[in-house]
Amino acid sequence: MNAAKRAQIFARLQAANPAPRTELEYETPFQLLIAVLLSAQATDVGVNKATRKLFPVAPTPTAMLALGEEGLIDYIKTIGLFRTKAKNTIATCRILLEQHGGEVPQDREALEALPGVGRKTANVVLNTAFGEPTIAVDTHIFRIANRTRLAPGKTVLAVEEKLLKTTPPEYRLDAHHWLILHGRYVCKARKPECERCIIADLCEYPGKTCSEPAHF
């Protein structure tokens, strides 16, 4: 895919959604960090249902640490892998208090040192909480990047690096939100809804069922 086509893809996504946002609900960088940590192998809808009850009770690392693992489990037991996530969340709260003054660090290495926090979670926090132009590659973005040929790669890291290299700077801050939402609602895993796609004519997926862009 050439640079002009990539730029047009992002221009259309921006025109359709000028101010994209994560669908996770949060009020502070700490709450975003916990929500993203809880979202692994879970839906944003499921996480939001849990955190709507959890965050009013435990909005800070201190309050969440006071719950303890078992207390936290009561709030997140509807989410997959809840025991592991409870253990990691409590450990993360302790580290934030002991090493970072109770604040979420704006540093990739420090974020990835937190239990349960990998590169994707760190990218989401850096981008959404701190406004850094990172691109968090989840299953949706990995699929779209390869399917459309926007940034093909065999690994998540390869796709991330290619997106960072080829996405025009003016679109980099919001790129991961646009691509996630597009993958979640249009370019779906089992059956992409090409007739609803605003970039259908730019997509290089050989299996697409429509070559005309939907109205946007």
N, C-alpha and C. Protein backbone atom coordinates (compact mmCIF):
# COMPACT_ATOMS: atom_id res chain seq x y z
N MET A 1 0.84 -1.19 0.00
CA MET A 1 0.00 0.00 0.00
C MET A 1 0.89 1.24 0.00
N ASN A 2 0.56 2.20 -0.85
CA ASN A 2 1.38 3.40 -0.94
C ASN A 2 0.99 4.45 0.09
N ALA A 3 1.83 5.44 0.24
CA ALA A 3 1.64 6.47 1.26
C ALA A 3 0.37 7.29 1.03
N ALA A 4 0.06 7.58 -0.22
CA ALA A 4 -1.13 8.39 -0.51
C ALA A 4 -2.40 7.66 -0.10
N LYS A 5 -2.43 6.37 -0.34
CA LYS A 5 -3.61 5.59 0.03
C LYS A 5 -3.74 5.50 1.55
N ARG A 6 -2.62 5.31 2.24
CA ARG A 6 -2.66 5.28 3.71
C ARG A 6 -3.19 6.60 4.26
N ALA A 7 -2.71 7.69 3.73
CA ALA A 7 -3.14 9.00 4.20
C ALA A 7 -4.64 9.20 3.96
N GLN A 8 -5.13 8.71 2.84
CA GLN A 8 -6.55 8.86 2.52
C GLN A 8 -7.41 8.03 3.48
N ILE A 9 -6.90 6.84 3.82
CA ILE A 9 -7.63 5.99 4.77
C ILE A 9 -7.82 6.72 6.10
N PHE A 10 -6.75 7.27 6.62
CA PHE A 10 -6.85 7.97 7.90
C PHE A 10 -7.66 9.26 7.80
N ALA A 11 -7.57 9.93 6.65
CA ALA A 11 -8.36 11.15 6.46
C ALA A 11 -9.85 10.83 6.52
N ARG A 12 -10.24 9.72 5.93
CA ARG A 12 -11.66 9.34 5.95
C ARG A 12 -12.09 8.91 7.36
N LEU A 13 -11.24 8.15 8.03
CA LEU A 13 -11.58 7.74 9.39
C LEU A 13 -11.71 8.96 10.30
N GLN A 14 -10.85 9.94 10.10
CA GLN A 14 -10.92 11.17 10.90
C GLN A 14 -12.19 11.95 10.58
N ALA A 15 -12.54 12.03 9.29
CA ALA A 15 -13.74 12.77 8.90
C ALA A 15 -14.99 12.15 9.52
N ALA A 16 -15.01 10.82 9.60
CA ALA A 16 -16.17 10.12 10.16
C ALA A 16 -16.22 10.20 11.67
N ASN A 17 -15.05 10.35 12.31
CA ASN A 17 -14.98 10.37 13.78
C ASN A 17 -13.81 11.27 14.19
N PRO A 18 -14.04 12.58 14.24
CA PRO A 18 -12.96 13.54 14.47
C PRO A 18 -12.27 13.42 15.83
N ALA A 19 -12.99 12.95 16.84
CA ALA A 19 -12.42 12.88 18.19
C ALA A 19 -12.68 11.51 18.81
N PRO A 20 -12.00 10.48 18.31
CA PRO A 20 -12.25 9.13 18.82
C PRO A 20 -11.76 8.97 20.25
N ARG A 21 -12.45 8.14 20.99
CA ARG A 21 -12.09 7.89 22.39
C ARG A 21 -12.20 6.41 22.70
N THR A 22 -11.46 5.98 23.71
CA THR A 22 -11.59 4.61 24.17
C THR A 22 -13.01 4.40 24.70
N GLU A 23 -13.51 3.19 24.59
CA GLU A 23 -14.84 2.88 25.12
C GLU A 23 -14.78 2.45 26.58
N LEU A 24 -13.59 2.33 27.12
CA LEU A 24 -13.44 2.07 28.55
C LEU A 24 -13.78 3.35 29.33
N GLU A 25 -14.46 3.20 30.44
CA GLU A 25 -14.86 4.34 31.26
C GLU A 25 -13.86 4.57 32.38
N TYR A 26 -13.40 5.81 32.52
CA TYR A 26 -12.40 6.14 33.54
C TYR A 26 -12.40 7.64 33.78
N GLU A 27 -11.84 8.06 34.88
CA GLU A 27 -11.73 9.49 35.18
C GLU A 27 -10.29 9.94 35.41
N THR A 28 -9.39 9.01 35.73
CA THR A 28 -8.01 9.35 36.03
C THR A 28 -7.07 8.37 35.32
N PRO A 29 -5.79 8.73 35.17
CA PRO A 29 -4.83 7.78 34.59
C PRO A 29 -4.80 6.45 35.36
N PHE A 30 -4.94 6.49 36.67
CA PHE A 30 -4.96 5.25 37.45
C PHE A 30 -6.15 4.38 37.06
N GLN A 31 -7.31 4.98 36.96
CA GLN A 31 -8.49 4.20 36.60
C GLN A 31 -8.38 3.65 35.18
N LEU A 32 -7.79 4.42 34.27
CA LEU A 32 -7.57 3.91 32.92
C LEU A 32 -6.64 2.71 32.95
N LEU A 33 -5.54 2.82 33.71
CA LEU A 33 -4.59 1.72 33.81
C LEU A 33 -5.27 0.46 34.30
N ILE A 34 -6.09 0.57 35.34
CA ILE A 34 -6.76 -0.60 35.88
C ILE A 34 -7.79 -1.15 34.89
N ALA A 35 -8.52 -0.27 34.24
CA ALA A 35 -9.51 -0.72 33.26
C ALA A 35 -8.86 -1.48 32.11
N VAL A 36 -7.72 -0.98 31.63
CA VAL A 36 -7.03 -1.66 30.53
C VAL A 36 -6.46 -2.99 31.01
N LEU A 37 -5.93 -3.00 32.22
CA LEU A 37 -5.40 -4.25 32.79
C LEU A 37 -6.51 -5.29 32.89
N LEU A 38 -7.70 -4.86 33.28
CA LEU A 38 -8.83 -5.78 33.42
C LEU A 38 -9.40 -6.22 32.07
N SER A 39 -9.11 -5.46 31.01
CA SER A 39 -9.75 -5.71 29.72
C SER A 39 -9.12 -6.83 28.91
N ALA A 40 -7.98 -7.35 29.36
CA ALA A 40 -7.33 -8.45 28.61
C ALA A 40 -8.28 -9.64 28.50
N GLN A 41 -8.51 -10.09 27.28
CA GLN A 41 -9.41 -11.22 27.02
C GLN A 41 -10.80 -10.98 27.61
N ALA A 42 -11.22 -9.74 27.60
CA ALA A 42 -12.56 -9.38 28.07
C ALA A 42 -13.06 -8.23 27.20
N THR A 43 -14.36 -7.98 27.23
CA THR A 43 -14.92 -6.88 26.43
C THR A 43 -14.92 -5.59 27.24
N ASP A 44 -14.88 -4.48 26.54
CA ASP A 44 -14.97 -3.19 27.22
C ASP A 44 -16.31 -3.06 27.96
N VAL A 45 -17.35 -3.61 27.37
CA VAL A 45 -18.67 -3.56 28.00
C VAL A 45 -18.65 -4.28 29.34
N GLY A 46 -18.04 -5.46 29.37
CA GLY A 46 -17.96 -6.22 30.61
C GLY A 46 -17.11 -5.53 31.66
N VAL A 47 -16.00 -4.93 31.23
CA VAL A 47 -15.13 -4.21 32.16
C VAL A 47 -15.85 -3.00 32.73
N ASN A 48 -16.55 -2.26 31.87
CA ASN A 48 -17.27 -1.06 32.34
C ASN A 48 -18.33 -1.41 33.37
N LYS A 49 -19.01 -2.52 33.18
CA LYS A 49 -20.04 -2.93 34.15
C LYS A 49 -19.41 -3.15 35.53
N ALA A 50 -18.21 -3.73 35.53
CA ALA A 50 -17.53 -3.99 36.80
C ALA A 50 -16.97 -2.72 37.41
N THR A 51 -16.33 -1.89 36.59
CA THR A 51 -15.67 -0.70 37.15
C THR A 51 -16.66 0.39 37.56
N ARG A 52 -17.88 0.35 37.02
CA ARG A 52 -18.90 1.31 37.48
C ARG A 52 -19.20 1.12 38.97
N LYS A 53 -19.03 -0.09 39.45
CA LYS A 53 -19.23 -0.38 40.88
C LYS A 53 -17.92 -0.27 41.65
N LEU A 54 -16.81 -0.65 40.98
CA LEU A 54 -15.51 -0.68 41.64
C LEU A 54 -14.93 0.72 41.87
N PHE A 55 -14.90 1.55 40.85
CA PHE A 55 -14.20 2.83 40.95
C PHE A 55 -14.79 3.80 41.98
N PRO A 56 -16.10 3.84 42.18
CA PRO A 56 -16.61 4.72 43.25
C PRO A 56 -16.12 4.29 44.64
N VAL A 57 -15.88 3.00 44.81
CA VAL A 57 -15.42 2.47 46.10
C VAL A 57 -13.90 2.56 46.22
N ALA A 58 -13.21 2.33 45.10
CA ALA A 58 -11.74 2.30 45.12
C ALA A 58 -11.20 3.11 43.94
N PRO A 59 -11.25 4.44 44.04
CA PRO A 59 -10.82 5.29 42.93
C PRO A 59 -9.32 5.54 42.87
N THR A 60 -8.59 5.13 43.92
CA THR A 60 -7.15 5.40 44.01
C THR A 60 -6.39 4.13 44.34
N PRO A 61 -5.07 4.12 44.14
CA PRO A 61 -4.27 2.95 44.52
C PRO A 61 -4.42 2.60 46.00
N THR A 62 -4.47 3.61 46.86
CA THR A 62 -4.60 3.36 48.30
C THR A 62 -5.90 2.65 48.62
N ALA A 63 -7.00 3.14 48.05
CA ALA A 63 -8.30 2.54 48.32
C ALA A 63 -8.41 1.15 47.74
N MET A 64 -7.82 0.93 46.56
CA MET A 64 -7.90 -0.38 45.94
C MET A 64 -7.03 -1.39 46.69
N LEU A 65 -5.87 -0.94 47.13
CA LEU A 65 -5.00 -1.82 47.91
C LEU A 65 -5.70 -2.25 49.20
N ALA A 66 -6.46 -1.35 49.78
CA ALA A 66 -7.18 -1.66 51.02
C ALA A 66 -8.24 -2.74 50.83
N LEU A 67 -8.75 -2.88 49.60
CA LEU A 67 -9.72 -3.94 49.33
C LEU A 67 -9.10 -5.32 49.46
N GLY A 68 -7.83 -5.44 49.06
CA GLY A 68 -7.19 -6.74 49.04
C GLY A 68 -7.69 -7.56 47.86
N GLU A 69 -7.02 -8.67 47.59
CA GLU A 69 -7.39 -9.49 46.44
C GLU A 69 -8.83 -9.99 46.53
N GLU A 70 -9.20 -10.54 47.68
CA GLU A 70 -10.54 -11.12 47.81
C GLU A 70 -11.61 -10.04 47.71
N GLY A 71 -11.34 -8.88 48.29
CA GLY A 71 -12.30 -7.79 48.20
C GLY A 71 -12.46 -7.31 46.77
N LEU A 72 -11.35 -7.25 46.04
CA LEU A 72 -11.40 -6.84 44.64
C LEU A 72 -12.14 -7.85 43.78
N ILE A 73 -11.93 -9.13 44.09
CA ILE A 73 -12.58 -10.19 43.31
C ILE A 73 -14.10 -10.04 43.34
N ASP A 74 -14.64 -9.58 44.45
CA ASP A 74 -16.09 -9.39 44.54
C ASP A 74 -16.61 -8.46 43.45
N TYR A 75 -15.78 -7.51 43.03
CA TYR A 75 -16.19 -6.54 42.02
C TYR A 75 -15.90 -7.00 40.59
N ILE A 76 -14.90 -7.84 40.41
CA ILE A 76 -14.46 -8.18 39.04
C ILE A 76 -14.67 -9.64 38.67
N LYS A 77 -15.41 -10.38 39.48
CA LYS A 77 -15.54 -11.83 39.24
C LYS A 77 -16.34 -12.16 37.98
N THR A 78 -16.99 -11.17 37.38
CA THR A 78 -17.69 -11.39 36.12
C THR A 78 -16.76 -11.29 34.92
N ILE A 79 -15.51 -10.90 35.17
CA ILE A 79 -14.53 -10.71 34.09
C ILE A 79 -13.62 -11.94 34.02
N GLY A 80 -13.27 -12.34 32.81
CA GLY A 80 -12.39 -13.49 32.64
C GLY A 80 -11.03 -13.30 33.32
N LEU A 81 -10.47 -14.40 33.81
CA LEU A 81 -9.17 -14.39 34.47
C LEU A 81 -9.16 -13.48 35.70
N PHE A 82 -10.29 -13.39 36.39
CA PHE A 82 -10.42 -12.39 37.47
C PHE A 82 -9.45 -12.62 38.62
N ARG A 83 -9.09 -13.86 38.91
CA ARG A 83 -8.17 -14.09 40.04
C ARG A 83 -6.76 -13.58 39.73
N THR A 84 -6.30 -13.88 38.54
CA THR A 84 -4.98 -13.39 38.12
C THR A 84 -4.99 -11.87 38.04
N LYS A 85 -6.06 -11.31 37.51
CA LYS A 85 -6.16 -9.86 37.38
C LYS A 85 -6.23 -9.19 38.75
N ALA A 86 -6.91 -9.81 39.70
CA ALA A 86 -6.97 -9.25 41.05
C ALA A 86 -5.59 -9.23 41.68
N LYS A 87 -4.86 -10.32 41.52
CA LYS A 87 -3.50 -10.41 42.06
C LYS A 87 -2.61 -9.35 41.45
N ASN A 88 -2.66 -9.20 40.13
CA ASN A 88 -1.83 -8.21 39.44
C ASN A 88 -2.22 -6.78 39.80
N THR A 89 -3.52 -6.55 39.93
CA THR A 89 -4.00 -5.20 40.25
C THR A 89 -3.54 -4.77 41.63
N ILE A 90 -3.68 -5.64 42.61
CA ILE A 90 -3.25 -5.31 43.96
C ILE A 90 -1.74 -5.09 44.01
N ALA A 91 -1.00 -5.94 43.31
CA ALA A 91 0.46 -5.79 43.27
C ALA A 91 0.85 -4.48 42.58
N THR A 92 0.12 -4.13 41.53
CA THR A 92 0.38 -2.88 40.82
C THR A 92 0.12 -1.68 41.73
N CYS A 93 -0.97 -1.72 42.47
CA CYS A 93 -1.28 -0.62 43.40
C CYS A 93 -0.17 -0.44 44.43
N ARG A 94 0.34 -1.55 44.91
CA ARG A 94 1.41 -1.48 45.92
C ARG A 94 2.67 -0.83 45.33
N ILE A 95 3.01 -1.21 44.11
CA ILE A 95 4.19 -0.65 43.45
C ILE A 95 3.99 0.84 43.17
N LEU A 96 2.80 1.22 42.72
CA LEU A 96 2.52 2.63 42.46
C LEU A 96 2.72 3.46 43.72
N LEU A 97 2.28 2.93 44.85
CA LEU A 97 2.41 3.66 46.11
C LEU A 97 3.86 3.69 46.61
N GLU A 98 4.54 2.57 46.48
CA GLU A 98 5.89 2.46 47.03
C GLU A 98 6.96 3.11 46.14
N GLN A 99 6.74 3.09 44.84
CA GLN A 99 7.79 3.54 43.93
C GLN A 99 7.45 4.81 43.13
N HIS A 100 6.16 5.15 43.06
CA HIS A 100 5.77 6.26 42.18
C HIS A 100 4.87 7.28 42.87
N GLY A 101 4.87 7.28 44.18
CA GLY A 101 4.07 8.26 44.91
C GLY A 101 2.58 8.17 44.66
N GLY A 102 2.12 6.98 44.27
CA GLY A 102 0.70 6.78 44.02
C GLY A 102 0.23 7.25 42.65
N GLU A 103 1.19 7.69 41.82
CA GLU A 103 0.85 8.19 40.48
C GLU A 103 1.22 7.16 39.41
N VAL A 104 0.52 7.20 38.30
CA VAL A 104 0.85 6.34 37.17
C VAL A 104 2.03 6.95 36.44
N PRO A 105 3.12 6.21 36.27
CA PRO A 105 4.30 6.78 35.61
C PRO A 105 4.08 7.01 34.12
N GLN A 106 4.59 8.12 33.63
CA GLN A 106 4.51 8.41 32.20
C GLN A 106 5.79 7.95 31.53
N ASP A 107 6.03 6.66 31.66
CA ASP A 107 7.29 6.08 31.19
C ASP A 107 7.02 4.62 30.82
N ARG A 108 7.37 4.25 29.61
CA ARG A 108 7.07 2.90 29.13
C ARG A 108 7.73 1.83 29.99
N GLU A 109 9.00 2.00 30.29
CA GLU A 109 9.71 0.98 31.06
C GLU A 109 9.08 0.79 32.43
N ALA A 110 8.73 1.87 33.08
CA ALA A 110 8.10 1.79 34.40
C ALA A 110 6.73 1.17 34.32
N LEU A 111 5.98 1.49 33.28
CA LEU A 111 4.65 0.89 33.11
C LEU A 111 4.75 -0.61 32.87
N GLU A 112 5.67 -1.02 32.01
CA GLU A 112 5.79 -2.44 31.68
C GLU A 112 6.36 -3.24 32.84
N ALA A 113 6.91 -2.56 33.85
CA ALA A 113 7.41 -3.25 35.04
C ALA A 113 6.28 -3.57 36.01
N LEU A 114 5.10 -3.02 35.78
CA LEU A 114 3.95 -3.29 36.66
C LEU A 114 3.36 -4.66 36.33
N PRO A 115 2.95 -5.41 37.34
CA PRO A 115 2.38 -6.75 37.11
C PRO A 115 1.16 -6.72 36.20
N GLY A 116 1.17 -7.55 35.18
CA GLY A 116 0.03 -7.64 34.27
C GLY A 116 0.02 -6.59 33.19
N VAL A 117 1.00 -5.71 33.18
CA VAL A 117 1.05 -4.63 32.18
C VAL A 117 2.08 -4.98 31.11
N GLY A 118 1.60 -5.20 29.90
CA GLY A 118 2.49 -5.47 28.78
C GLY A 118 2.61 -4.26 27.88
N ARG A 119 3.19 -4.46 26.73
CA ARG A 119 3.42 -3.35 25.81
C ARG A 119 2.11 -2.71 25.34
N LYS A 120 1.11 -3.53 25.06
CA LYS A 120 -0.15 -2.97 24.57
C LYS A 120 -0.80 -2.07 25.62
N THR A 121 -0.86 -2.56 26.86
CA THR A 121 -1.45 -1.76 27.94
C THR A 121 -0.67 -0.47 28.15
N ALA A 122 0.66 -0.57 28.14
CA ALA A 122 1.49 0.62 28.29
C ALA A 122 1.21 1.62 27.18
N ASN A 123 1.07 1.13 25.96
CA ASN A 123 0.77 2.03 24.83
C ASN A 123 -0.56 2.73 24.99
N VAL A 124 -1.57 2.00 25.47
CA VAL A 124 -2.89 2.61 25.67
C VAL A 124 -2.80 3.72 26.71
N VAL A 125 -2.13 3.46 27.82
CA VAL A 125 -2.02 4.45 28.88
C VAL A 125 -1.23 5.67 28.41
N LEU A 126 -0.11 5.44 27.74
CA LEU A 126 0.70 6.55 27.25
C LEU A 126 -0.08 7.41 26.25
N ASN A 127 -0.87 6.75 25.40
CA ASN A 127 -1.63 7.47 24.38
C ASN A 127 -2.84 8.18 24.97
N THR A 128 -3.66 7.43 25.70
CA THR A 128 -4.96 7.94 26.12
C THR A 128 -4.86 8.83 27.36
N ALA A 129 -4.00 8.47 28.29
CA ALA A 129 -3.88 9.27 29.52
C ALA A 129 -2.91 10.44 29.35
N PHE A 130 -1.87 10.23 28.55
CA PHE A 130 -0.80 11.23 28.48
C PHE A 130 -0.61 11.87 27.11
N GLY A 131 -1.42 11.47 26.14
CA GLY A 131 -1.39 12.13 24.83
C GLY A 131 -0.16 11.85 24.00
N GLU A 132 0.48 10.69 24.21
CA GLU A 132 1.64 10.35 23.39
C GLU A 132 1.18 9.59 22.14
N PRO A 133 1.81 9.82 20.99
CA PRO A 133 1.38 9.21 19.74
C PRO A 133 1.81 7.76 19.58
N THR A 134 1.44 6.94 20.56
CA THR A 134 1.73 5.51 20.48
C THR A 134 0.58 4.79 19.79
N ILE A 135 0.83 3.59 19.32
CA ILE A 135 -0.22 2.80 18.67
C ILE A 135 -0.25 1.43 19.34
N ALA A 136 -1.31 1.19 20.10
CA ALA A 136 -1.48 -0.09 20.80
C ALA A 136 -2.12 -1.09 19.86
N VAL A 137 -1.42 -2.15 19.54
CA VAL A 137 -1.93 -3.12 18.57
C VAL A 137 -2.61 -4.27 19.31
N ASP A 138 -3.94 -4.32 19.19
CA ASP A 138 -4.69 -5.44 19.75
C ASP A 138 -5.09 -6.37 18.60
N THR A 139 -5.97 -7.33 18.89
CA THR A 139 -6.36 -8.29 17.84
C THR A 139 -7.06 -7.59 16.67
N HIS A 140 -7.85 -6.55 16.96
CA HIS A 140 -8.55 -5.84 15.89
C HIS A 140 -7.56 -5.15 14.96
N ILE A 141 -6.62 -4.43 15.54
CA ILE A 141 -5.66 -3.69 14.72
C ILE A 141 -4.75 -4.65 13.97
N PHE A 142 -4.33 -5.71 14.62
CA PHE A 142 -3.48 -6.70 13.94
C PHE A 142 -4.21 -7.26 12.72
N ARG A 143 -5.48 -7.57 12.89
CA ARG A 143 -6.28 -8.11 11.79
C ARG A 143 -6.42 -7.09 10.66
N ILE A 144 -6.81 -5.88 10.99
CA ILE A 144 -7.04 -4.85 9.97
C ILE A 144 -5.76 -4.48 9.24
N ALA A 145 -4.68 -4.34 9.97
CA ALA A 145 -3.41 -3.97 9.35
C ALA A 145 -2.98 -4.99 8.30
N ASN A 146 -3.23 -6.26 8.61
CA ASN A 146 -2.87 -7.32 7.67
C ASN A 146 -3.92 -7.50 6.58
N ARG A 147 -5.18 -7.44 6.96
CA ARG A 147 -6.26 -7.68 5.99
C ARG A 147 -6.29 -6.60 4.91
N THR A 148 -6.21 -5.35 5.32
CA THR A 148 -6.28 -4.25 4.36
C THR A 148 -4.95 -4.00 3.66
N ARG A 149 -3.87 -4.53 4.24
CA ARG A 149 -2.49 -4.31 3.81
C ARG A 149 -2.00 -2.93 4.22
N LEU A 150 -2.68 -2.31 5.18
CA LEU A 150 -2.27 -1.00 5.69
C LEU A 150 -0.88 -1.07 6.31
N ALA A 151 -0.63 -2.13 7.09
CA ALA A 151 0.68 -2.31 7.71
C ALA A 151 0.86 -3.78 8.03
N PRO A 152 1.07 -4.60 7.02
CA PRO A 152 1.16 -6.04 7.25
C PRO A 152 2.39 -6.42 8.07
N GLY A 153 2.21 -7.42 8.91
CA GLY A 153 3.31 -7.91 9.73
C GLY A 153 2.94 -9.23 10.37
N LYS A 154 3.94 -10.06 10.65
CA LYS A 154 3.68 -11.38 11.20
C LYS A 154 3.49 -11.37 12.71
N THR A 155 3.94 -10.31 13.36
CA THR A 155 3.81 -10.21 14.82
C THR A 155 3.16 -8.88 15.19
N VAL A 156 2.66 -8.82 16.42
CA VAL A 156 2.06 -7.58 16.92
C VAL A 156 3.09 -6.44 16.90
N LEU A 157 4.30 -6.74 17.32
CA LEU A 157 5.34 -5.71 17.35
C LEU A 157 5.68 -5.24 15.94
N ALA A 158 5.73 -6.16 14.99
CA ALA A 158 6.04 -5.78 13.61
C ALA A 158 4.98 -4.84 13.05
N VAL A 159 3.71 -5.15 13.36
CA VAL A 159 2.61 -4.28 12.90
C VAL A 159 2.70 -2.92 13.57
N GLU A 160 2.96 -2.90 14.87
CA GLU A 160 3.09 -1.63 15.58
C GLU A 160 4.20 -0.77 14.98
N GLU A 161 5.35 -1.38 14.75
CA GLU A 161 6.48 -0.63 14.21
C GLU A 161 6.19 -0.10 12.81
N LYS A 162 5.49 -0.90 12.01
CA LYS A 162 5.17 -0.45 10.66
C LYS A 162 4.14 0.67 10.68
N LEU A 163 3.15 0.57 11.58
CA LEU A 163 2.15 1.63 11.69
C LEU A 163 2.80 2.94 12.14
N LEU A 164 3.69 2.85 13.12
CA LEU A 164 4.37 4.05 13.60
C LEU A 164 5.21 4.69 12.49
N LYS A 165 5.77 3.86 11.65
CA LYS A 165 6.64 4.36 10.57
C LYS A 165 5.83 4.95 9.42
N THR A 166 4.68 4.37 9.13
CA THR A 166 3.96 4.74 7.91
C THR A 166 2.73 5.63 8.12
N THR A 167 2.24 5.73 9.36
CA THR A 167 1.08 6.58 9.62
C THR A 167 1.52 8.05 9.60
N PRO A 168 0.87 8.88 8.80
CA PRO A 168 1.24 10.31 8.78
C PRO A 168 1.17 10.90 10.19
N PRO A 169 2.12 11.75 10.56
CA PRO A 169 2.19 12.28 11.92
C PRO A 169 0.90 12.91 12.43
N GLU A 170 0.17 13.57 11.54
CA GLU A 170 -1.05 14.25 11.98
C GLU A 170 -2.17 13.29 12.39
N TYR A 171 -2.01 12.00 12.05
CA TYR A 171 -3.03 11.01 12.40
C TYR A 171 -2.56 10.04 13.50
N ARG A 172 -1.31 10.13 13.88
CA ARG A 172 -0.71 9.10 14.75
C ARG A 172 -1.35 9.04 16.14
N LEU A 173 -1.73 10.19 16.69
CA LEU A 173 -2.28 10.20 18.05
C LEU A 173 -3.58 9.41 18.14
N ASP A 174 -4.42 9.52 17.12
CA ASP A 174 -5.74 8.88 17.17
C ASP A 174 -5.83 7.59 16.36
N ALA A 175 -4.75 7.20 15.71
CA ALA A 175 -4.79 6.06 14.79
C ALA A 175 -5.29 4.79 15.45
N HIS A 176 -4.81 4.50 16.65
CA HIS A 176 -5.20 3.21 17.24
C HIS A 176 -6.68 3.20 17.62
N HIS A 177 -7.24 4.35 18.00
CA HIS A 177 -8.68 4.40 18.31
C HIS A 177 -9.50 4.16 17.04
N TRP A 178 -9.14 4.84 15.95
CA TRP A 178 -9.88 4.65 14.70
C TRP A 178 -9.84 3.20 14.25
N LEU A 179 -8.67 2.60 14.30
CA LEU A 179 -8.53 1.23 13.80
C LEU A 179 -9.24 0.22 14.68
N ILE A 180 -9.18 0.41 16.00
CA ILE A 180 -9.88 -0.51 16.90
C ILE A 180 -11.38 -0.43 16.66
N LEU A 181 -11.92 0.77 16.59
CA LEU A 181 -13.36 0.93 16.39
C LEU A 181 -13.79 0.38 15.03
N HIS A 182 -12.96 0.59 14.02
CA HIS A 182 -13.27 0.06 12.69
C HIS A 182 -13.30 -1.47 12.71
N GLY A 183 -12.35 -2.05 13.42
CA GLY A 183 -12.30 -3.50 13.51
C GLY A 183 -13.41 -4.07 14.36
N ARG A 184 -13.81 -3.34 15.38
CA ARG A 184 -14.85 -3.81 16.29
C ARG A 184 -16.23 -3.78 15.65
N TYR A 185 -16.49 -2.76 14.81
CA TYR A 185 -17.85 -2.56 14.32
C TYR A 185 -18.04 -2.75 12.82
N VAL A 186 -16.97 -2.70 12.04
CA VAL A 186 -17.12 -2.83 10.58
C VAL A 186 -16.28 -3.99 10.03
N CYS A 187 -14.97 -3.90 10.19
CA CYS A 187 -14.08 -4.91 9.63
C CYS A 187 -13.94 -6.07 10.62
N LYS A 188 -15.04 -6.76 10.85
CA LYS A 188 -15.11 -7.78 11.89
C LYS A 188 -14.33 -9.03 11.50
N ALA A 189 -13.99 -9.82 12.51
CA ALA A 189 -13.11 -10.96 12.30
C ALA A 189 -13.72 -12.01 11.37
N ARG A 190 -14.92 -12.47 11.69
CA ARG A 190 -15.49 -13.57 10.92
C ARG A 190 -16.04 -13.13 9.58
N LYS A 191 -16.68 -11.96 9.55
CA LYS A 191 -17.29 -11.50 8.31
C LYS A 191 -17.22 -9.98 8.25
N PRO A 192 -16.23 -9.45 7.58
CA PRO A 192 -16.15 -7.98 7.45
C PRO A 192 -17.34 -7.44 6.70
N GLU A 193 -17.90 -6.34 7.19
CA GLU A 193 -19.08 -5.73 6.57
C GLU A 193 -18.62 -4.69 5.54
N CYS A 194 -18.12 -5.19 4.44
CA CYS A 194 -17.51 -4.33 3.42
C CYS A 194 -18.48 -3.30 2.86
N GLU A 195 -19.76 -3.64 2.79
CA GLU A 195 -20.74 -2.70 2.24
C GLU A 195 -20.93 -1.48 3.14
N ARG A 196 -20.52 -1.58 4.42
CA ARG A 196 -20.62 -0.45 5.35
C ARG A 196 -19.29 0.27 5.51
N CYS A 197 -18.28 -0.16 4.79
CA CYS A 197 -16.92 0.34 5.00
C CYS A 197 -16.65 1.61 4.20
N ILE A 198 -16.16 2.63 4.90
CA ILE A 198 -15.88 3.90 4.22
C ILE A 198 -14.53 3.91 3.51
N ILE A 199 -13.77 2.83 3.68
CA ILE A 199 -12.48 2.75 2.99
C ILE A 199 -12.42 1.52 2.07
N ALA A 200 -13.59 1.02 1.68
CA ALA A 200 -13.65 -0.21 0.89
C ALA A 200 -12.85 -0.11 -0.40
N ASP A 201 -12.88 1.05 -1.05
CA ASP A 201 -12.18 1.20 -2.32
C ASP A 201 -10.66 1.31 -2.13
N LEU A 202 -10.22 1.63 -0.91
CA LEU A 202 -8.79 1.77 -0.63
C LEU A 202 -8.19 0.48 -0.07
N CYS A 203 -9.05 -0.37 0.45
CA CYS A 203 -8.63 -1.63 1.06
C CYS A 203 -8.07 -2.58 0.01
N GLU A 204 -7.01 -3.29 0.35
CA GLU A 204 -6.38 -4.21 -0.59
C GLU A 204 -6.64 -5.68 -0.23
N TYR A 205 -7.68 -5.91 0.57
CA TYR A 205 -8.05 -7.28 0.96
C TYR A 205 -8.65 -7.98 -0.25
N PRO A 206 -8.05 -9.08 -0.71
CA PRO A 206 -8.55 -9.75 -1.91
C PRO A 206 -9.93 -10.38 -1.72
N GLY A 207 -10.33 -10.60 -0.48
CA GLY A 207 -11.62 -11.22 -0.24
C GLY A 207 -12.75 -10.25 0.04
N LYS A 208 -12.51 -8.96 -0.18
CA LYS A 208 -13.57 -8.00 0.14
C LYS A 208 -14.75 -8.16 -0.79
N THR A 209 -15.93 -7.88 -0.26
CA THR A 209 -17.17 -8.12 -1.02
C THR A 209 -17.75 -6.84 -1.62
N CYS A 210 -17.06 -5.72 -1.43
CA CYS A 210 -17.53 -4.46 -1.99
C CYS A 210 -16.31 -3.59 -2.29
N SER A 211 -16.31 -2.93 -3.44
CA SER A 211 -15.17 -2.10 -3.81
C SER A 211 -15.53 -0.64 -3.89
N GLU A 212 -16.74 -0.30 -3.41
CA GLU A 212 -17.17 1.09 -3.38
C GLU A 212 -17.30 1.53 -1.92
N PRO A 213 -16.82 2.72 -1.58
CA PRO A 213 -16.91 3.16 -0.19
C PRO A 213 -18.34 3.48 0.22
N ALA A 214 -18.67 3.14 1.46
CA ALA A 214 -19.95 3.56 2.00
C ALA A 214 -19.94 5.07 2.18
N HIS A 215 -21.12 5.68 2.23
CA HIS A 215 -21.20 7.12 2.42
C HIS A 215 -20.66 7.49 3.79
N PHE A 216 -19.87 8.54 3.82
CA PHE A 216 -19.34 9.03 5.10
C PHE A 216 -19.38 10.54 5.15
